[in-house]
Amino acid sequence: MLLIACPFCGPRDQVEYVHGGDANVRRPADPSATTDAEWGAYLGDRDNPAGEHEELWQHAMGCRRWIGVRRNTLTHEVVSTRALQPEKST
């Protein structure tokens, strides 16, 4: 079990979150000019790092916001979390 500290809601169990994958993967800038091979690489080619790694997680059963999580893939320790967008002012 992972305990992930949502920057908006505080620490919560990982079952409240949906893993969104590698935070460093970027969608092609011009989809209409992207080849099938480039789309295939974007969709399927991923590194499998050992150690600290930046990931995206959505707090699906909480505030529903996306957060950045730095996690150690060897120990599963959550090193840090951060908001991806500023909190809305009321």
PDB file of N, CA and C in Angstrom:
ATOM      1  N   MET A   1       0.844  -1.181   0.000  1.00  0.00           N
ATOM      2  CA  MET A   1       0.000   0.000   0.000  1.00  0.00           C
ATOM      3  C   MET A   1       0.886   1.240   0.000  1.00  0.00           C
ATOM      4  N   LEU A   2       0.521   2.209  -0.819  1.00  0.00           N
ATOM      5  CA  LEU A   2       1.191   3.498  -0.833  1.00  0.00           C
ATOM      6  C   LEU A   2       0.320   4.523  -0.129  1.00  0.00           C
ATOM      7  N   LEU A   3       0.959   5.413   0.589  1.00  0.00           N
ATOM      8  CA  LEU A   3       0.278   6.560   1.172  1.00  0.00           C
ATOM      9  C   LEU A   3       0.743   7.768   0.365  1.00  0.00           C
ATOM     10  N   ILE A   4      -0.190   8.388  -0.359  1.00  0.00           N
ATOM     11  CA  ILE A   4       0.147   9.504  -1.239  1.00  0.00           C
ATOM     12  C   ILE A   4      -0.452  10.774  -0.649  1.00  0.00           C
ATOM     13  N   ALA A   5       0.404  11.782  -0.446  1.00  0.00           N
ATOM     14  CA  ALA A   5      -0.044  13.049   0.137  1.00  0.00           C
ATOM     15  C   ALA A   5      -0.562  13.965  -0.962  1.00  0.00           C
ATOM     16  N   CYS A   6      -1.874  14.056  -1.084  1.00  0.00           N
ATOM     17  CA  CYS A   6      -2.477  14.980  -2.039  1.00  0.00           C
ATOM     18  C   CYS A   6      -2.210  16.401  -1.542  1.00  0.00           C
ATOM     19  N   PRO A   7      -1.689  17.290  -2.397  1.00  0.00           N
ATOM     20  CA  PRO A   7      -1.427  18.662  -1.973  1.00  0.00           C
ATOM     21  C   PRO A   7      -2.700  19.422  -1.578  1.00  0.00           C
ATOM     22  N   PHE A   8      -3.868  18.913  -1.979  1.00  0.00           N
ATOM     23  CA  PHE A   8      -5.124  19.587  -1.711  1.00  0.00           C
ATOM     24  C   PHE A   8      -5.923  18.927  -0.582  1.00  0.00           C
ATOM     25  N   CYS A   9      -5.788  17.596  -0.419  1.00  0.00           N
ATOM     26  CA  CYS A   9      -6.614  16.854   0.538  1.00  0.00           C
ATOM     27  C   CYS A   9      -5.825  16.237   1.690  1.00  0.00           C
ATOM     28  N   GLY A  10      -4.506  16.193   1.565  1.00  0.00           N
ATOM     29  CA  GLY A  10      -3.684  15.552   2.589  1.00  0.00           C
ATOM     30  C   GLY A  10      -3.416  14.099   2.236  1.00  0.00           C
ATOM     31  N   PRO A  11      -2.758  13.367   3.157  1.00  0.00           N
ATOM     32  CA  PRO A  11      -2.381  11.970   2.892  1.00  0.00           C
ATOM     33  C   PRO A  11      -3.605  11.067   2.710  1.00  0.00           C
ATOM     34  N   ARG A  12      -3.545  10.247   1.650  1.00  0.00           N
ATOM     35  CA  ARG A  12      -4.631   9.312   1.359  1.00  0.00           C
ATOM     36  C   ARG A  12      -4.039   8.000   0.848  1.00  0.00           C
ATOM     37  N   ASP A  13      -4.778   6.908   1.027  1.00  0.00           N
ATOM     38  CA  ASP A  13      -4.389   5.593   0.544  1.00  0.00           C
ATOM     39  C   ASP A  13      -4.399   5.574  -0.982  1.00  0.00           C
ATOM     40  N   GLN A  14      -3.512   4.799  -1.565  1.00  0.00           N
ATOM     41  CA  GLN A  14      -3.404   4.748  -3.032  1.00  0.00           C
ATOM     42  C   GLN A  14      -4.673   4.300  -3.727  1.00  0.00           C
ATOM     43  N   VAL A  15      -5.583   3.596  -3.041  1.00  0.00           N
ATOM     44  CA  VAL A  15      -6.820   3.142  -3.687  1.00  0.00           C
ATOM     45  C   VAL A  15      -7.695   4.318  -4.121  1.00  0.00           C
ATOM     46  N   GLU A  16      -7.440   5.520  -3.589  1.00  0.00           N
ATOM     47  CA  GLU A  16      -8.198   6.700  -3.989  1.00  0.00           C
ATOM     48  C   GLU A  16      -7.683   7.310  -5.292  1.00  0.00           C
ATOM     49  N   TYR A  17      -6.560   6.798  -5.805  1.00  0.00           N
ATOM     50  CA  TYR A  17      -5.888   7.400  -6.951  1.00  0.00           C
ATOM     51  C   TYR A  17      -5.915   6.495  -8.178  1.00  0.00           C
ATOM     52  N   VAL A  18      -5.748   7.114  -9.330  1.00  0.00           N
ATOM     53  CA  VAL A  18      -5.557   6.415 -10.599  1.00  0.00           C
ATOM     54  C   VAL A  18      -4.188   6.813 -11.120  1.00  0.00           C
ATOM     55  N   HIS A  19      -3.373   5.820 -11.459  1.00  0.00           N
ATOM     56  CA  HIS A  19      -2.034   6.077 -11.967  1.00  0.00           C
ATOM     57  C   HIS A  19      -2.127   6.555 -13.406  1.00  0.00           C
ATOM     58  N   GLY A  20      -1.464   7.672 -13.708  1.00  0.00           N
ATOM     59  CA  GLY A  20      -1.532   8.248 -15.046  1.00  0.00           C
ATOM     60  C   GLY A  20      -0.270   8.059 -15.868  1.00  0.00           C
ATOM     61  N   GLY A  21       0.731   7.386 -15.306  1.00  0.00           N
ATOM     62  CA  GLY A  21       1.924   7.090 -16.078  1.00  0.00           C
ATOM     63  C   GLY A  21       3.057   8.074 -15.876  1.00  0.00           C
ATOM     64  N   ASP A  22       4.022   7.963 -16.763  1.00  0.00           N
ATOM     65  CA  ASP A  22       5.252   8.749 -16.747  1.00  0.00           C
ATOM     66  C   ASP A  22       4.941  10.227 -16.967  1.00  0.00           C
ATOM     67  N   ALA A  23       5.422  11.075 -16.073  1.00  0.00           N
ATOM     68  CA  ALA A  23       5.165  12.513 -16.174  1.00  0.00           C
ATOM     69  C   ALA A  23       6.006  13.192 -17.238  1.00  0.00           C
ATOM     70  N   ASN A  24       6.980  12.487 -17.789  1.00  0.00           N
ATOM     71  CA  ASN A  24       7.882  13.101 -18.757  1.00  0.00           C
ATOM     72  C   ASN A  24       7.515  12.819 -20.210  1.00  0.00           C
ATOM     73  N   VAL A  25       6.497  12.018 -20.460  1.00  0.00           N
ATOM     74  CA  VAL A  25       6.067  11.699 -21.829  1.00  0.00           C
ATOM     75  C   VAL A  25       5.183  12.838 -22.337  1.00  0.00           C
ATOM     76  N   ARG A  26       5.496  13.342 -23.507  1.00  0.00           N
ATOM     77  CA  ARG A  26       4.740  14.450 -24.087  1.00  0.00           C
ATOM     78  C   ARG A  26       4.043  14.008 -25.376  1.00  0.00           C
ATOM     79  N   ARG A  27       2.789  14.404 -25.498  1.00  0.00           N
ATOM     80  CA  ARG A  27       2.003  14.116 -26.702  1.00  0.00           C
ATOM     81  C   ARG A  27       2.630  14.853 -27.882  1.00  0.00           C
ATOM     82  N   PRO A  28       2.619  14.249 -29.072  1.00  0.00           N
ATOM     83  CA  PRO A  28       3.162  14.934 -30.245  1.00  0.00           C
ATOM     84  C   PRO A  28       2.478  16.295 -30.453  1.00  0.00           C
ATOM     85  N   ALA A  29       3.280  17.315 -30.771  1.00  0.00           N
ATOM     86  CA  ALA A  29       2.772  18.688 -30.912  1.00  0.00           C
ATOM     87  C   ALA A  29       1.791  18.829 -32.075  1.00  0.00           C
ATOM     88  N   ASP A  30       2.055  18.150 -33.176  1.00  0.00           N
ATOM     89  CA  ASP A  30       1.200  18.249 -34.361  1.00  0.00           C
ATOM     90  C   ASP A  30       0.723  16.846 -34.742  1.00  0.00           C
ATOM     91  N   PRO A  31      -0.401  16.401 -34.166  1.00  0.00           N
ATOM     92  CA  PRO A  31      -0.874  15.040 -34.428  1.00  0.00           C
ATOM     93  C   PRO A  31      -1.081  14.722 -35.905  1.00  0.00           C
ATOM     94  N   SER A  32      -1.498  15.686 -36.696  1.00  0.00           N
ATOM     95  CA  SER A  32      -1.755  15.418 -38.111  1.00  0.00           C
ATOM     96  C   SER A  32      -0.470  15.178 -38.902  1.00  0.00           C
ATOM     97  N   ALA A  33       0.658  15.622 -38.368  1.00  0.00           N
ATOM     98  CA  ALA A  33       1.944  15.430 -39.049  1.00  0.00           C
ATOM     99  C   ALA A  33       2.739  14.278 -38.441  1.00  0.00           C
ATOM    100  N   THR A  34       2.149  13.570 -37.491  1.00  0.00           N
ATOM    101  CA  THR A  34       2.843  12.483 -36.812  1.00  0.00           C
ATOM    102  C   THR A  34       2.658  11.179 -37.575  1.00  0.00           C
ATOM    103  N   THR A  35       3.748  10.467 -37.813  1.00  0.00           N
ATOM    104  CA  THR A  35       3.681   9.198 -38.548  1.00  0.00           C
ATOM    105  C   THR A  35       3.142   8.093 -37.652  1.00  0.00           C
ATOM    106  N   ASP A  36       2.746   6.986 -38.261  1.00  0.00           N
ATOM    107  CA  ASP A  36       2.279   5.841 -37.497  1.00  0.00           C
ATOM    108  C   ASP A  36       3.370   5.330 -36.558  1.00  0.00           C
ATOM    109  N   ALA A  37       4.603   5.326 -37.021  1.00  0.00           N
ATOM    110  CA  ALA A  37       5.718   4.871 -36.184  1.00  0.00           C
ATOM    111  C   ALA A  37       5.908   5.790 -34.979  1.00  0.00           C
ATOM    112  N   GLU A  38       5.767   7.101 -35.190  1.00  0.00           N
ATOM    113  CA  GLU A  38       5.893   8.060 -34.080  1.00  0.00           C
ATOM    114  C   GLU A  38       4.750   7.899 -33.083  1.00  0.00           C
ATOM    115  N   TRP A  39       3.523   7.652 -33.599  1.00  0.00           N
ATOM    116  CA  TRP A  39       2.390   7.411 -32.689  1.00  0.00           C
ATOM    117  C   TRP A  39       2.610   6.127 -31.896  1.00  0.00           C
ATOM    118  N   GLY A  40       3.101   5.100 -32.576  1.00  0.00           N
ATOM    119  CA  GLY A  40       3.383   3.841 -31.882  1.00  0.00           C
ATOM    120  C   GLY A  40       4.402   4.022 -30.776  1.00  0.00           C
ATOM    121  N   ALA A  41       5.444   4.795 -31.047  1.00  0.00           N
ATOM    122  CA  ALA A  41       6.465   5.063 -30.029  1.00  0.00           C
ATOM    123  C   ALA A  41       5.883   5.860 -28.873  1.00  0.00           C
ATOM    124  N   TYR A  42       5.046   6.864 -29.186  1.00  0.00           N
ATOM    125  CA  TYR A  42       4.416   7.677 -28.140  1.00  0.00           C
ATOM    126  C   TYR A  42       3.508   6.821 -27.249  1.00  0.00           C
ATOM    127  N   LEU A  43       2.738   5.936 -27.858  1.00  0.00           N
ATOM    128  CA  LEU A  43       1.782   5.128 -27.109  1.00  0.00           C
ATOM    129  C   LEU A  43       2.413   3.965 -26.349  1.00  0.00           C
ATOM    130  N   GLY A  44       3.500   3.402 -26.879  1.00  0.00           N
ATOM    131  CA  GLY A  44       3.986   2.171 -26.285  1.00  0.00           C
ATOM    132  C   GLY A  44       5.401   2.137 -25.760  1.00  0.00           C
ATOM    133  N   ASP A  45       6.270   3.007 -26.226  1.00  0.00           N
ATOM    134  CA  ASP A  45       7.664   2.959 -25.781  1.00  0.00           C
ATOM    135  C   ASP A  45       7.822   3.710 -24.472  1.00  0.00           C
ATOM    136  N   ARG A  46       8.174   2.989 -23.429  1.00  0.00           N
ATOM    137  CA  ARG A  46       8.373   3.600 -22.118  1.00  0.00           C
ATOM    138  C   ARG A  46       9.642   3.059 -21.496  1.00  0.00           C
ATOM    139  N   ASP A  47      10.328   3.937 -20.770  1.00  0.00           N
ATOM    140  CA  ASP A  47      11.469   3.500 -19.982  1.00  0.00           C
ATOM    141  C   ASP A  47      10.942   2.776 -18.750  1.00  0.00           C
ATOM    142  N   ASN A  48      11.773   1.928 -18.171  1.00  0.00           N
ATOM    143  CA  ASN A  48      11.424   1.241 -16.935  1.00  0.00           C
ATOM    144  C   ASN A  48      12.541   1.547 -15.933  1.00  0.00           C
ATOM    145  N   PRO A  49      12.518   2.775 -15.387  1.00  0.00           N
ATOM    146  CA  PRO A  49      13.635   3.204 -14.553  1.00  0.00           C
ATOM    147  C   PRO A  49      13.677   2.492 -13.209  1.00  0.00           C
ATOM    148  N   ALA A  50      14.883   2.322 -12.713  1.00  0.00           N
ATOM    149  CA  ALA A  50      15.090   1.798 -11.364  1.00  0.00           C
ATOM    150  C   ALA A  50      15.525   2.971 -10.509  1.00  0.00           C
ATOM    151  N   GLY A  51      14.709   3.329  -9.541  1.00  0.00           N
ATOM    152  CA  GLY A  51      15.019   4.466  -8.684  1.00  0.00           C
ATOM    153  C   GLY A  51      13.919   5.508  -8.759  1.00  0.00           C
ATOM    154  N   GLU A  52      14.268   6.752  -8.457  1.00  0.00           N
ATOM    155  CA  GLU A  52      13.276   7.819  -8.419  1.00  0.00           C
ATOM    156  C   GLU A  52      12.785   8.173  -9.821  1.00  0.00           C
ATOM    157  N   HIS A  53      11.481   8.435  -9.890  1.00  0.00           N
ATOM    158  CA  HIS A  53      10.814   8.623 -11.179  1.00  0.00           C
ATOM    159  C   HIS A  53       9.621   9.555 -10.975  1.00  0.00           C
ATOM    160  N   GLU A  54       9.383  10.453 -11.942  1.00  0.00           N
ATOM    161  CA  GLU A  54       8.229  11.366 -11.906  1.00  0.00           C
ATOM    162  C   GLU A  54       7.018  10.712 -12.565  1.00  0.00           C
ATOM    163  N   GLU A  55       5.897  10.719 -11.848  1.00  0.00           N
ATOM    164  CA  GLU A  55       4.665  10.106 -12.357  1.00  0.00           C
ATOM    165  C   GLU A  55       3.494  11.063 -12.203  1.00  0.00           C
ATOM    166  N   LEU A  56       2.432  10.788 -12.948  1.00  0.00           N
ATOM    167  CA  LEU A  56       1.172  11.516 -12.822  1.00  0.00           C
ATOM    168  C   LEU A  56       0.160  10.615 -12.131  1.00  0.00           C
ATOM    169  N   TRP A  57      -0.571  11.158 -11.179  1.00  0.00           N
ATOM    170  CA  TRP A  57      -1.638  10.439 -10.489  1.00  0.00           C
ATOM    171  C   TRP A  57      -2.840  11.366 -10.391  1.00  0.00           C
ATOM    172  N   GLN A  58      -4.040  10.785 -10.530  1.00  0.00           N
ATOM    173  CA  GLN A  58      -5.259  11.562 -10.336  1.00  0.00           C
ATOM    174  C   GLN A  58      -5.917  11.117  -9.035  1.00  0.00           C
ATOM    175  N   HIS A  59      -6.286  12.085  -8.205  1.00  0.00           N
ATOM    176  CA  HIS A  59      -6.987  11.765  -6.958  1.00  0.00           C
ATOM    177  C   HIS A  59      -8.473  11.562  -7.290  1.00  0.00           C
ATOM    178  N   ALA A  60      -8.748  10.429  -7.910  1.00  0.00           N
ATOM    179  CA  ALA A  60     -10.067  10.140  -8.482  1.00  0.00           C
ATOM    180  C   ALA A  60     -11.182  10.063  -7.438  1.00  0.00           C
ATOM    181  N   MET A  61     -10.867   9.598  -6.235  1.00  0.00           N
ATOM    182  CA  MET A  61     -11.898   9.464  -5.205  1.00  0.00           C
ATOM    183  C   MET A  61     -11.785  10.573  -4.158  1.00  0.00           C
ATOM    184  N   GLY A  62     -11.220  11.681  -4.579  1.00  0.00           N
ATOM    185  CA  GLY A  62     -11.059  12.835  -3.699  1.00  0.00           C
ATOM    186  C   GLY A  62     -11.372  14.092  -4.486  1.00  0.00           C
ATOM    187  N   CYS A  63     -10.381  14.961  -4.582  1.00  0.00           N
ATOM    188  CA  CYS A  63     -10.574  16.252  -5.259  1.00  0.00           C
ATOM    189  C   CYS A  63     -10.584  16.143  -6.780  1.00  0.00           C
ATOM    190  N   ARG A  64     -10.220  14.975  -7.330  1.00  0.00           N
ATOM    191  CA  ARG A  64     -10.196  14.674  -8.765  1.00  0.00           C
ATOM    192  C   ARG A  64      -9.106  15.430  -9.517  1.00  0.00           C
ATOM    193  N   ARG A  65      -8.198  16.052  -8.813  1.00  0.00           N
ATOM    194  CA  ARG A  65      -7.115  16.787  -9.474  1.00  0.00           C
ATOM    195  C   ARG A  65      -5.952  15.862  -9.787  1.00  0.00           C
ATOM    196  N   TRP A  66      -5.206  16.238 -10.825  1.00  0.00           N
ATOM    197  CA  TRP A  66      -3.985  15.535 -11.189  1.00  0.00           C
ATOM    198  C   TRP A  66      -2.844  16.113 -10.376  1.00  0.00           C
ATOM    199  N   ILE A  67      -1.973  15.239  -9.869  1.00  0.00           N
ATOM    200  CA  ILE A  67      -0.812  15.679  -9.110  1.00  0.00           C
ATOM    201  C   ILE A  67       0.447  15.003  -9.652  1.00  0.00           C
ATOM    202  N   GLY A  68       1.569  15.621  -9.391  1.00  0.00           N
ATOM    203  CA  GLY A  68       2.852  15.026  -9.726  1.00  0.00           C
ATOM    204  C   GLY A  68       3.378  14.274  -8.524  1.00  0.00           C
ATOM    205  N   VAL A  69       3.832  13.057  -8.737  1.00  0.00           N
ATOM    206  CA  VAL A  69       4.358  12.222  -7.659  1.00  0.00           C
ATOM    207  C   VAL A  69       5.760  11.759  -8.038  1.00  0.00           C
ATOM    208  N   ARG A  70       6.713  11.989  -7.164  1.00  0.00           N
ATOM    209  CA  ARG A  70       8.070  11.455  -7.344  1.00  0.00           C
ATOM    210  C   ARG A  70       8.137  10.213  -6.469  1.00  0.00           C
ATOM    211  N   ARG A  71       8.330   9.043  -7.137  1.00  0.00           N
ATOM    212  CA  ARG A  71       8.276   7.754  -6.444  1.00  0.00           C
ATOM    213  C   ARG A  71       9.507   6.937  -6.791  1.00  0.00           C
ATOM    214  N   ASN A  72      10.005   6.202  -5.810  1.00  0.00           N
ATOM    215  CA  ASN A  72      11.119   5.287  -6.028  1.00  0.00           C
ATOM    216  C   ASN A  72      10.539   3.966  -6.518  1.00  0.00           C
ATOM    217  N   THR A  73      10.893   3.562  -7.727  1.00  0.00           N
ATOM    218  CA  THR A  73      10.322   2.351  -8.310  1.00  0.00           C
ATOM    219  C   THR A  73      10.893   1.070  -7.704  1.00  0.00           C
ATOM    220  N   LEU A  74      11.977   1.168  -6.962  1.00  0.00           N
ATOM    221  CA  LEU A  74      12.541  -0.017  -6.299  1.00  0.00           C
ATOM    222  C   LEU A  74      11.898  -0.262  -4.944  1.00  0.00           C
ATOM    223  N   THR A  75      11.676   0.806  -4.178  1.00  0.00           N
ATOM    224  CA  THR A  75      11.133   0.671  -2.825  1.00  0.00           C
ATOM    225  C   THR A  75       9.662   1.045  -2.739  1.00  0.00           C
ATOM    226  N   HIS A  76       9.128   1.674  -3.784  1.00  0.00           N
ATOM    227  CA  HIS A  76       7.761   2.205  -3.844  1.00  0.00           C
ATOM    228  C   HIS A  76       7.538   3.369  -2.882  1.00  0.00           C
ATOM    229  N   GLU A  77       8.604   3.893  -2.314  1.00  0.00           N
ATOM    230  CA  GLU A  77       8.490   5.052  -1.429  1.00  0.00           C
ATOM    231  C   GLU A  77       8.059   6.265  -2.238  1.00  0.00           C
ATOM    232  N   VAL A  78       7.062   6.992  -1.725  1.00  0.00           N
ATOM    233  CA  VAL A  78       6.661   8.255  -2.324  1.00  0.00           C
ATOM    234  C   VAL A  78       7.585   9.317  -1.749  1.00  0.00           C
ATOM    235  N   VAL A  79       8.429   9.869  -2.595  1.00  0.00           N
ATOM    236  CA  VAL A  79       9.445  10.835  -2.167  1.00  0.00           C
ATOM    237  C   VAL A  79       8.834  12.218  -1.989  1.00  0.00           C
ATOM    238  N   SER A  80       7.990  12.638  -2.949  1.00  0.00           N
ATOM    239  CA  SER A  80       7.349  13.953  -2.861  1.00  0.00           C
ATOM    240  C   SER A  80       6.125  13.992  -3.763  1.00  0.00           C
ATOM    241  N   THR A  81       5.260  14.960  -3.498  1.00  0.00           N
ATOM    242  CA  THR A  81       4.097  15.215  -4.352  1.00  0.00           C
ATOM    243  C   THR A  81       4.008  16.715  -4.590  1.00  0.00           C
ATOM    244  N   ARG A  82       3.361  17.072  -5.700  1.00  0.00           N
ATOM    245  CA  ARG A  82       3.203  18.497  -6.003  1.00  0.00           C
ATOM    246  C   ARG A  82       1.918  18.711  -6.798  1.00  0.00           C
ATOM    247  N   ALA A  83       1.381  19.910  -6.663  1.00  0.00           N
ATOM    248  CA  ALA A  83       0.211  20.287  -7.432  1.00  0.00           C
ATOM    249  C   ALA A  83       0.640  20.577  -8.863  1.00  0.00           C
ATOM    250  N   LEU A  84      -0.152  20.168  -9.830  1.00  0.00           N
ATOM    251  CA  LEU A  84       0.153  20.449 -11.231  1.00  0.00           C
ATOM    252  C   LEU A  84      -0.496  21.746 -11.698  1.00  0.00           C
ATOM    253  N   GLN A  85      -1.498  22.186 -10.973  1.00  0.00           N
ATOM    254  CA  GLN A  85      -2.166  23.433 -11.311  1.00  0.00           C
ATOM    255  C   GLN A  85      -2.427  24.179 -10.014  1.00  0.00           C
ATOM    256  N   PRO A  86      -2.408  25.485 -10.049  1.00  0.00           N
ATOM    257  CA  PRO A  86      -2.635  26.233  -8.812  1.00  0.00           C
ATOM    258  C   PRO A  86      -4.054  26.027  -8.285  1.00  0.00           C
ATOM    259  N   GLU A  87      -4.187  26.121  -6.976  1.00  0.00           N
ATOM    260  CA  GLU A  87      -5.500  26.004  -6.351  1.00  0.00           C
ATOM    261  C   GLU A  87      -6.348  27.195  -6.765  1.00  0.00           C
ATOM    262  N   LYS A  88      -7.624  26.917  -7.073  1.00  0.00           N
ATOM    263  CA  LYS A  88      -8.518  27.988  -7.504  1.00  0.00           C
ATOM    264  C   LYS A  88      -8.884  28.866  -6.318  1.00  0.00           C
ATOM    265  N   SER A  89      -8.887  30.170  -6.536  1.00  0.00           N
ATOM    266  CA  SER A  89      -9.290  31.086  -5.477  1.00  0.00           C
ATOM    267  C   SER A  89     -10.804  31.294  -5.571  1.00  0.00           C
ATOM    268  N   THR A  90     -11.419  31.513  -4.431  1.00  0.00           N
ATOM    269  CA  THR A  90     -12.883  31.696  -4.410  1.00  0.00           C
ATOM    270  C   THR A  90     -13.248  33.136  -4.195  1.00  0.00           C
TER     271      THR A  90
END
